[in-house]
């Protein structure tokens, strides 16, 4: 474990943000291996998926689709407290997702010209749910519920099978049943993404793949994005905590150490206006990590700033996955954070609430991607479509504009197409 404490004068936040991010290790040598995996699935289908699963995960499911009756019965196979917790999480995520659905917009521009912009769901979507060290039923809920709320006709889950059963963990199957997944496939890794993007004999191709996963899974999503839509690149977990009031250091230390549970390659930053408080925070981090055996090499960056303005500037430059604001005017400060994936307002609003049960989503932009993309939600599984209606009067009014621009761009037939409508040549309404 490494704890770095530094004072910052508030100048050039982008430079400090870059230095903090550059300290994190980066996976290398993955792209070529993932490309080979995708090509193998493209040519070999189910047989290739099974062979790759055996090679990488040590178990290949047969059949790869988990029988529907086993999924439906899965909530009864897990402890009641866990089942109730998943049900509460799903209900809260569903309520927030439903609030995000908007209706069509219609604009009338003059006589006979009407534009409708509507949102329609994609036809099918897959949620990738990691396996390996532990089951992640929360990722099932975070992906499946928004997709179903979006109106996607077919929502499936892919998650690695466990040795012994050949199926994903019971908690994953239970969450799939509670969230309303239409099918579950017992397959993981880059081969799962390739199969879902390209289709095999047993796994129909989907339109969108979303969800967290290893660097191999994320690289596969990127390489397959020419075939399907993806939610983005889900990298290592990140948290930036702004502390400008007296908060128990243990609270923030637990938040930082909790995100470190995802691995040692994340961004773990606390920005404080009181250097002495940061020293106490460092002591709490050491205590918690020592209590839990200090698993793995992790770096914590504690930055002392002169005022909260500097803290806001640095957080905006970092564009972290999670941001926490513990300050007297937390709501006002939180509204100024526009590049973070999710902002937790007030000292009691721990990131862990959002990870599991608050109703927001825990699939968030990482690596600074919050500057141009946002959290997973119904919009991930919907697309805009425009419907244009041009009547006779509108055709006459617009044809000259179209012809002028089309000829300037070297596309005269575009202009002729519009002019033909305006002149009424061969007009079916006139019987010509």
Protein backbone atom coordinates (compact mmCIF):
# COMPACT_ATOMS: atom_id res chain seq x y z
CA UNK A 1 0.00 0.00 0.00
CA UNK A 2 1.14 3.52 -0.78
CA UNK A 3 -0.32 6.76 0.59
CA UNK A 4 0.84 9.96 -1.07
CA UNK A 5 0.04 13.28 0.58
CA UNK A 6 0.72 16.47 -1.31
CA UNK A 7 -0.20 20.13 -1.10
CA UNK A 8 -1.47 21.79 -4.26
CA UNK A 9 -1.53 25.53 -4.96
CA UNK A 10 -4.62 25.36 -7.16
CA UNK A 11 -2.82 26.13 -10.44
CA UNK A 12 -3.05 23.97 -13.58
CA UNK A 13 -5.59 21.39 -12.39
CA UNK A 14 -5.38 19.51 -15.71
CA UNK A 15 -1.66 18.87 -15.18
CA UNK A 16 -2.17 17.53 -11.64
CA UNK A 17 -5.12 15.42 -12.82
CA UNK A 18 -2.96 13.88 -15.56
CA UNK A 19 -0.17 13.05 -13.11
CA UNK A 20 -2.62 11.36 -10.72
CA UNK A 21 -4.09 9.28 -13.54
CA UNK A 22 -0.70 8.37 -15.00
CA UNK A 23 0.26 6.70 -11.72
CA UNK A 24 -2.27 3.90 -12.30
CA UNK A 25 -1.01 0.71 -14.01
CA UNK A 26 -2.40 -0.02 -17.48
CA UNK A 27 -3.13 -3.39 -19.07
CA UNK A 28 -0.94 -4.10 -22.09
CA UNK A 29 -0.76 -6.74 -24.77
CA UNK A 30 -4.49 -7.43 -24.73
CA UNK A 31 -5.73 -6.03 -28.05
CA UNK A 32 -4.08 -8.62 -30.31
CA UNK A 33 -5.11 -11.56 -28.10
CA UNK A 34 -8.71 -10.34 -27.97
CA UNK A 35 -8.77 -9.92 -31.75
CA UNK A 36 -7.67 -13.56 -32.07
CA UNK A 37 -10.46 -14.64 -29.69
CA UNK A 38 -13.12 -12.75 -31.66
CA UNK A 39 -11.89 -14.22 -34.96
CA UNK A 40 -11.98 -17.72 -33.44
CA UNK A 41 -15.61 -17.27 -32.33
CA UNK A 42 -16.57 -15.77 -35.69
CA UNK A 43 -15.30 -18.84 -37.52
CA UNK A 44 -16.01 -21.57 -34.96
CA UNK A 45 -19.29 -20.59 -33.28
CA UNK A 46 -20.39 -22.68 -30.30
CA UNK A 47 -17.41 -25.04 -30.54
CA UNK A 48 -14.98 -22.13 -30.37
CA UNK A 49 -16.84 -20.60 -27.42
CA UNK A 50 -16.66 -23.89 -25.52
CA UNK A 51 -12.99 -24.39 -26.29
CA UNK A 52 -12.08 -20.84 -25.23
CA UNK A 53 -14.16 -21.07 -22.06
CA UNK A 54 -12.41 -24.29 -21.10
CA UNK A 55 -9.04 -22.70 -21.79
CA UNK A 56 -9.59 -19.37 -20.02
CA UNK A 57 -12.18 -20.16 -17.32
CA UNK A 58 -11.55 -23.84 -16.72
CA UNK A 59 -15.19 -24.76 -17.38
CA UNK A 60 -17.44 -24.75 -20.43
CA UNK A 61 -21.21 -24.90 -19.93
CA UNK A 62 -23.29 -27.43 -21.84
CA UNK A 63 -25.79 -26.19 -22.81
CA UNK A 64 -24.52 -22.63 -22.81
CA UNK A 65 -28.02 -21.23 -22.22
CA UNK A 66 -29.18 -21.83 -18.67
CA UNK A 67 -32.61 -23.56 -18.74
CA UNK A 68 -35.38 -21.02 -18.15
CA UNK A 69 -36.99 -23.04 -15.35
CA UNK A 70 -33.73 -23.00 -13.36
CA UNK A 71 -33.49 -19.23 -13.72
CA UNK A 72 -37.12 -18.75 -12.68
CA UNK A 73 -36.60 -20.88 -9.59
CA UNK A 74 -33.28 -19.28 -8.64
CA UNK A 75 -34.69 -16.64 -6.21
CA UNK A 76 -35.76 -19.54 -3.98
CA UNK A 77 -32.22 -20.94 -4.02
CA UNK A 78 -30.59 -18.00 -2.24
CA UNK A 79 -31.01 -16.80 1.37
CA UNK A 80 -34.14 -14.73 1.97
CA UNK A 81 -32.24 -11.61 3.16
CA UNK A 82 -30.23 -11.57 -0.07
CA UNK A 83 -33.35 -12.10 -2.17
CA UNK A 84 -35.12 -9.21 -0.44
CA UNK A 85 -32.05 -6.99 -0.88
CA UNK A 86 -31.94 -7.70 -4.62
CA UNK A 87 -35.68 -7.03 -4.89
CA UNK A 88 -35.25 -3.67 -3.13
CA UNK A 89 -32.34 -2.75 -5.38
CA UNK A 90 -34.31 -3.68 -8.51
CA UNK A 91 -37.36 -1.68 -7.39
CA UNK A 92 -35.26 1.44 -6.74
CA UNK A 93 -33.33 1.16 -10.01
CA UNK A 94 -36.63 0.61 -11.88
CA UNK A 95 -38.19 3.74 -10.34
CA UNK A 96 -35.23 5.91 -11.34
CA UNK A 97 -35.09 4.37 -14.83
CA UNK A 98 -38.81 4.90 -15.45
CA UNK A 99 -38.41 8.59 -14.59
CA UNK A 100 -35.90 8.93 -17.45
CA UNK A 101 -38.20 7.86 -20.29
CA UNK A 102 -39.47 10.78 -22.37
CA UNK A 103 -42.11 10.95 -25.09
CA UNK A 104 -41.74 12.04 -28.73
CA UNK A 105 -41.23 15.68 -29.74
CA UNK A 106 -43.14 17.15 -32.68
CA UNK A 107 -42.29 20.38 -34.51
CA UNK A 108 -44.40 21.99 -37.24
CA UNK A 109 -42.50 24.39 -39.51
CA UNK A 110 -44.93 26.11 -41.84
CA UNK A 111 -47.74 24.54 -43.78
CA UNK A 112 -47.28 20.89 -44.56
CA UNK A 113 -43.89 20.42 -42.90
CA UNK A 114 -43.82 18.35 -39.75
CA UNK A 115 -40.88 16.70 -37.95
CA UNK A 116 -41.28 14.11 -35.24
CA UNK A 117 -38.29 13.01 -33.19
CA UNK A 118 -39.01 9.85 -31.24
CA UNK A 119 -37.04 7.41 -29.14
CA UNK A 120 -37.42 3.71 -29.87
CA UNK A 121 -35.82 0.77 -28.06
CA UNK A 122 -33.25 -1.45 -29.70
CA UNK A 123 -34.48 -4.93 -30.49
CA UNK A 124 -32.19 -6.88 -28.16
CA UNK A 125 -29.53 -6.27 -25.54
CA UNK A 126 -27.06 -8.26 -23.48
CA UNK A 127 -25.75 -7.49 -20.01
CA UNK A 128 -22.32 -8.86 -19.23
CA UNK A 129 -21.93 -9.79 -15.56
CA UNK A 130 -18.41 -10.60 -14.29
CA UNK A 131 -17.63 -13.79 -12.39
CA UNK A 132 -14.42 -15.21 -11.03
CA UNK A 133 -13.68 -13.89 -7.53
CA UNK A 134 -17.33 -13.44 -6.53
CA UNK A 135 -20.86 -13.25 -7.97
CA UNK A 136 -22.20 -9.81 -8.89
CA UNK A 137 -25.99 -9.83 -8.71
CA UNK A 138 -25.95 -6.03 -8.47
CA UNK A 139 -24.56 -5.78 -12.02
CA UNK A 140 -27.48 -7.90 -13.26
CA UNK A 141 -29.95 -5.44 -11.73
CA UNK A 142 -28.08 -2.35 -12.96
CA UNK A 143 -28.12 -3.62 -16.54
CA UNK A 144 -31.29 -5.63 -17.01
CA UNK A 145 -33.75 -3.27 -15.28
CA UNK A 146 -32.94 -0.14 -17.36
CA UNK A 147 -33.00 -2.23 -20.55
CA UNK A 148 -36.45 -3.61 -19.73
CA UNK A 149 -37.71 -0.14 -18.76
CA UNK A 150 -36.38 1.14 -22.10
CA UNK A 151 -38.69 -1.34 -23.82
CA UNK A 152 -36.08 -3.70 -25.23
CA UNK A 153 -37.85 -6.80 -26.50
CA UNK A 154 -35.16 -9.30 -25.55
CA UNK A 155 -32.70 -8.77 -22.70
CA UNK A 156 -30.17 -11.50 -21.90
CA UNK A 157 -27.41 -11.98 -19.35
CA UNK A 158 -23.99 -13.53 -19.95
CA UNK A 159 -21.89 -14.56 -16.96
CA UNK A 160 -19.12 -17.14 -16.49
CA UNK A 161 -20.16 -20.60 -15.25
CA UNK A 162 -18.97 -21.94 -11.93
CA UNK A 163 -16.96 -25.13 -11.77
CA UNK A 164 -19.12 -28.01 -10.62
CA UNK A 165 -22.52 -26.68 -11.77
CA UNK A 166 -21.61 -25.31 -15.20
CA UNK A 167 -23.93 -22.37 -14.48
CA UNK A 168 -23.46 -18.82 -13.16
CA UNK A 169 -23.66 -18.33 -9.40
CA UNK A 170 -27.12 -18.76 -7.79
CA UNK A 171 -27.20 -15.08 -6.80
CA UNK A 172 -26.65 -14.07 -10.45
CA UNK A 173 -29.44 -16.38 -11.64
CA UNK A 174 -31.75 -15.11 -8.90
CA UNK A 175 -31.06 -11.49 -9.84
CA UNK A 176 -31.71 -12.33 -13.51
CA UNK A 177 -35.12 -13.74 -12.56
CA UNK A 178 -35.99 -10.79 -10.29
CA UNK A 179 -34.86 -8.20 -12.86
CA UNK A 180 -36.75 -9.91 -15.68
CA UNK A 181 -34.00 -11.20 -17.98
CA UNK A 182 -35.28 -13.23 -20.91
CA UNK A 183 -32.33 -15.63 -21.02
CA UNK A 184 -29.06 -16.37 -19.25
CA UNK A 185 -25.94 -17.70 -20.97
CA UNK A 186 -23.22 -19.41 -18.96
CA UNK A 187 -20.22 -17.94 -20.74
CA UNK A 188 -17.72 -15.22 -19.88
CA UNK A 189 -14.68 -13.40 -21.14
CA UNK A 190 -13.97 -11.98 -24.57
CA UNK A 191 -15.54 -15.07 -26.13
CA UNK A 192 -18.89 -14.14 -24.56
CA UNK A 193 -18.77 -10.65 -26.04
CA UNK A 194 -17.79 -12.03 -29.45
CA UNK A 195 -20.60 -14.57 -29.40
CA UNK A 196 -23.19 -11.95 -28.41
CA UNK A 197 -21.96 -9.51 -31.05
CA UNK A 198 -21.63 -11.97 -33.94
CA UNK A 199 -24.04 -14.77 -32.97
CA UNK A 200 -23.41 -18.51 -32.77
CA UNK A 201 -25.60 -21.60 -33.12
CA UNK A 202 -26.80 -21.23 -29.51
CA UNK A 203 -26.34 -17.53 -28.81
CA UNK A 204 -28.30 -15.10 -31.02
CA UNK A 205 -26.58 -11.81 -31.76
CA UNK A 206 -27.82 -8.71 -29.93
CA UNK A 207 -27.92 -5.01 -30.79
CA UNK A 208 -26.27 -3.62 -27.63
CA UNK A 209 -23.85 -5.07 -25.08
CA UNK A 210 -23.48 -3.32 -21.72
CA UNK A 211 -21.96 -4.02 -18.34
CA UNK A 212 -18.64 -4.12 -16.49
CA UNK A 213 -15.92 -6.72 -16.85
CA UNK A 214 -12.20 -7.40 -17.08
CA UNK A 215 -9.89 -5.52 -19.47
CA UNK A 216 -10.33 -8.48 -21.85
CA UNK A 217 -14.10 -8.03 -21.82
CA UNK A 218 -13.86 -4.28 -22.30
CA UNK A 219 -11.37 -4.63 -25.15
CA UNK A 220 -13.70 -7.13 -26.82
CA UNK A 221 -16.58 -4.65 -26.52
CA UNK A 222 -14.45 -1.99 -28.19
CA UNK A 223 -13.39 -4.28 -31.03
CA UNK A 224 -16.96 -5.47 -31.59
CA UNK A 225 -18.43 -1.97 -31.52
CA UNK A 226 -18.41 -1.85 -35.32
CA UNK A 227 -21.07 -4.60 -35.18
CA UNK A 228 -23.07 -3.64 -32.08
CA UNK A 229 -23.65 -0.76 -29.70
CA UNK A 230 -21.83 -0.66 -26.37
CA UNK A 231 -22.28 1.39 -23.23
CA UNK A 232 -18.62 2.44 -23.11
CA UNK A 233 -15.32 1.22 -21.69
CA UNK A 234 -15.70 0.28 -18.03
CA UNK A 235 -12.21 0.60 -16.59
CA UNK A 236 -10.83 0.38 -13.05
CA UNK A 237 -12.97 1.83 -10.26
CA UNK A 238 -12.45 5.49 -9.33
CA UNK A 239 -13.42 7.78 -6.46
CA UNK A 240 -12.63 11.38 -5.59
CA UNK A 241 -13.82 12.67 -2.21
CA UNK A 242 -13.97 16.40 -1.54
CA UNK A 243 -13.91 17.13 2.19
CA UNK A 244 -14.35 20.72 3.34
CA UNK A 245 -15.95 20.17 6.74
CA UNK A 246 -15.29 18.09 9.85
CA UNK A 247 -16.21 14.54 8.84
CA UNK A 248 -15.17 11.36 10.65
CA UNK A 249 -12.01 10.31 8.77
CA UNK A 250 -13.14 6.69 9.08
CA UNK A 251 -16.11 7.39 6.79
CA UNK A 252 -13.97 8.64 3.90
CA UNK A 253 -11.28 6.03 4.56
CA UNK A 254 -13.88 3.30 4.26
CA UNK A 255 -15.15 4.80 1.00
CA UNK A 256 -11.66 4.87 -0.48
CA UNK A 257 -10.79 1.39 0.74
CA UNK A 258 -14.13 0.04 -0.49
CA UNK A 259 -13.35 1.11 -4.05
CA UNK A 260 -9.89 -0.42 -3.64
CA UNK A 261 -11.64 -3.78 -3.21
CA UNK A 262 -12.13 -3.74 -6.99
CA UNK A 263 -8.36 -3.85 -7.52
CA UNK A 264 -5.18 -1.86 -7.17
CA UNK A 265 -5.33 -0.06 -10.52
CA UNK A 266 -8.07 2.45 -9.72
CA UNK A 267 -8.03 6.15 -8.91
CA UNK A 268 -8.38 6.75 -5.14
CA UNK A 269 -8.21 10.44 -4.26
CA UNK A 270 -9.26 12.59 -1.31
CA UNK A 271 -9.08 16.38 -1.62
CA UNK A 272 -9.20 18.25 1.67
CA UNK A 273 -8.96 21.84 2.86
CA UNK A 274 -7.44 20.81 6.21
CA UNK A 275 -3.97 19.20 6.01
CA UNK A 276 -4.25 17.92 9.60
CA UNK A 277 -7.51 16.13 8.74
CA UNK A 278 -5.79 14.48 5.76
CA UNK A 279 -3.11 13.17 8.10
CA UNK A 280 -5.84 11.60 10.25
CA UNK A 281 -7.41 10.16 7.10
CA UNK A 282 -4.10 8.52 6.18
CA UNK A 283 -3.96 6.91 9.62
CA UNK A 284 -7.50 5.53 9.17
CA UNK A 285 -6.63 4.12 5.74
CA UNK A 286 -3.61 2.35 7.22
CA UNK A 287 -5.70 0.99 10.08
CA UNK A 288 -8.42 -0.39 7.79
CA UNK A 289 -5.96 -1.90 5.33
CA UNK A 290 -3.96 -3.49 8.15
CA UNK A 291 -7.16 -4.86 9.72
CA UNK A 292 -8.12 -6.48 6.44
CA UNK A 293 -4.65 -7.81 5.68
CA UNK A 294 -3.68 -5.01 3.23
CA UNK A 295 -4.53 -7.11 0.13
CA UNK A 296 -2.53 -6.04 -2.91
CA UNK A 297 -0.64 -2.93 -3.90
CA UNK A 298 -2.86 0.16 -3.87
CA UNK A 299 -2.05 3.87 -4.06
CA UNK A 300 -4.09 6.51 -2.22
CA UNK A 301 -3.56 10.16 -3.17
CA UNK A 302 -4.46 12.77 -0.55
CA UNK A 303 -4.33 16.34 -1.83
CA UNK A 304 -4.42 19.40 0.41
CA UNK A 305 -5.89 22.51 -1.21
CA UNK A 306 -6.32 26.08 -0.10
CA UNK A 307 -10.07 26.27 -0.65
CA UNK A 308 -13.04 24.38 -2.03
CA UNK A 309 -12.74 26.16 -5.39
CA UNK A 310 -9.46 24.36 -6.01
CA UNK A 311 -11.08 21.06 -5.01
CA UNK A 312 -13.89 21.59 -7.53
CA UNK A 313 -11.41 22.50 -10.29
CA UNK A 314 -9.28 19.40 -9.70
CA UNK A 315 -12.32 17.09 -9.55
CA UNK A 316 -13.65 18.53 -12.81
CA UNK A 317 -10.27 17.91 -14.43
CA UNK A 318 -10.12 14.34 -13.13
CA UNK A 319 -13.69 13.53 -14.29
CA UNK A 320 -13.89 10.55 -11.92
CA UNK A 321 -16.35 7.67 -11.92
CA UNK A 322 -17.57 8.59 -8.42
CA UNK A 323 -17.31 11.93 -6.64
CA UNK A 324 -18.27 12.60 -3.04
CA UNK A 325 -18.87 16.08 -1.66
CA UNK A 326 -18.72 16.54 2.12
CA UNK A 327 -19.10 20.25 2.77
CA UNK A 328 -21.53 22.64 4.44
CA UNK A 329 -22.92 23.69 1.04
CA UNK A 330 -22.69 20.23 -0.52
CA UNK A 331 -25.84 20.47 -2.73
CA UNK A 332 -24.68 23.71 -4.36
CA UNK A 333 -21.14 22.40 -4.85
CA UNK A 334 -22.38 19.09 -6.26
CA UNK A 335 -24.32 20.91 -8.99
CA UNK A 336 -21.03 22.39 -10.18
CA UNK A 337 -19.53 18.94 -10.78
CA UNK A 338 -20.47 18.19 -14.39
CA UNK A 339 -17.85 15.63 -15.50
CA UNK A 340 -18.22 13.00 -12.76
CA UNK A 341 -20.11 9.79 -13.49
CA UNK A 342 -22.15 10.03 -10.28
CA UNK A 343 -21.99 12.64 -7.51
CA UNK A 344 -22.79 11.75 -3.90
CA UNK A 345 -24.04 14.76 -1.99
CA UNK A 346 -23.30 15.18 1.72
CA UNK A 347 -21.12 13.32 4.18
CA UNK A 348 -23.58 10.45 4.68
CA UNK A 349 -23.98 9.77 0.95
CA UNK A 350 -21.41 7.01 0.62
CA UNK A 351 -20.61 5.70 -2.85
CA UNK A 352 -21.60 2.22 -1.66
CA UNK A 353 -25.27 3.28 -1.59
CA UNK A 354 -25.11 3.99 -5.32
CA UNK A 355 -23.25 0.75 -5.97
CA UNK A 356 -26.13 -1.31 -4.64
CA UNK A 357 -29.43 0.16 -3.61
CA UNK A 358 -29.93 3.93 -4.00
CA UNK A 359 -31.59 3.54 -7.41
CA UNK A 360 -28.86 5.23 -9.44
CA UNK A 361 -26.65 3.02 -11.61
CA UNK A 362 -23.19 1.71 -10.79
CA UNK A 363 -22.13 1.24 -14.44
CA UNK A 364 -20.44 4.61 -14.88
CA UNK A 365 -17.86 6.25 -17.16
CA UNK A 366 -14.25 5.81 -16.07
CA UNK A 367 -10.87 7.03 -17.28
CA UNK A 368 -12.15 10.59 -17.66
CA UNK A 369 -14.94 9.55 -20.03
CA UNK A 370 -17.44 11.47 -17.91
CA UNK A 371 -16.44 14.49 -20.00
CA UNK A 372 -18.41 13.09 -22.95
CA UNK A 373 -20.63 10.25 -21.77
CA UNK A 374 -22.79 9.34 -18.81
CA UNK A 375 -24.20 6.62 -16.63
CA UNK A 376 -25.88 3.48 -17.89
CA UNK A 377 -29.63 3.97 -18.16
CA UNK A 378 -32.62 3.47 -20.44
CA UNK A 379 -31.03 5.81 -22.98
CA UNK A 380 -28.24 3.28 -23.51
CA UNK A 381 -30.83 0.94 -25.00
CA UNK A 382 -32.83 3.48 -26.99
CA UNK A 383 -32.11 5.37 -30.18
CA UNK A 384 -33.56 8.47 -31.75
CA UNK A 385 -35.45 8.23 -34.99
CA UNK A 386 -36.82 11.14 -37.02
CA UNK A 387 -39.99 11.05 -39.11
CA UNK A 388 -40.22 13.80 -41.73
CA UNK A 389 -43.48 14.78 -43.43
CA UNK A 390 -43.33 17.22 -46.37
CA UNK A 391 -46.59 18.39 -47.95
CA UNK A 392 -47.04 20.20 -51.27
CA UNK A 393 -46.67 23.72 -49.84
CA UNK A 394 -43.59 22.76 -47.83
CA UNK A 395 -42.00 21.08 -50.87
CA UNK A 396 -42.47 24.25 -52.90
CA UNK A 397 -41.02 26.39 -50.12
CA UNK A 398 -37.95 24.22 -49.44
CA UNK A 399 -36.99 22.91 -52.89
CA UNK A 400 -34.92 25.96 -53.84
CA UNK A 401 -32.94 25.76 -50.61
CA UNK A 402 -32.22 22.08 -51.16
CA UNK A 403 -31.23 22.60 -54.79
CA UNK A 404 -28.87 25.47 -53.97
CA UNK A 405 -26.96 23.58 -51.27
CA UNK A 406 -26.95 20.29 -53.22
CA UNK A 407 -25.43 21.89 -56.32
CA UNK A 408 -22.79 23.63 -54.18
CA UNK A 409 -21.80 20.22 -52.80
CA UNK A 410 -21.70 18.55 -56.22
CA UNK A 411 -24.90 16.50 -55.80
CA UNK A 412 -27.26 17.84 -58.49
CA UNK A 413 -29.61 14.86 -58.32
CA UNK A 414 -30.34 15.67 -54.69
CA UNK A 415 -31.59 19.04 -55.83
CA UNK A 416 -33.55 17.59 -58.73
CA UNK A 417 -35.21 15.13 -56.34
CA UNK A 418 -36.54 18.02 -54.24
CA UNK A 419 -37.47 20.23 -57.18
CA UNK A 420 -39.43 17.40 -58.79
CA UNK A 421 -41.68 17.27 -55.75
CA UNK A 422 -42.16 21.02 -55.74
CA UNK A 423 -43.16 21.18 -59.40
CA UNK A 424 -45.61 18.35 -59.03
CA UNK A 425 -44.24 16.30 -61.91
CA UNK A 426 -45.96 12.92 -62.06
CA UNK A 427 -47.86 13.98 -58.95
CA UNK A 428 -49.99 10.98 -57.82
CA UNK A 429 -52.34 13.36 -56.04
CA UNK A 430 -53.20 14.94 -59.43
CA UNK A 431 -53.43 11.66 -61.27
CA UNK A 432 -50.51 12.50 -63.57
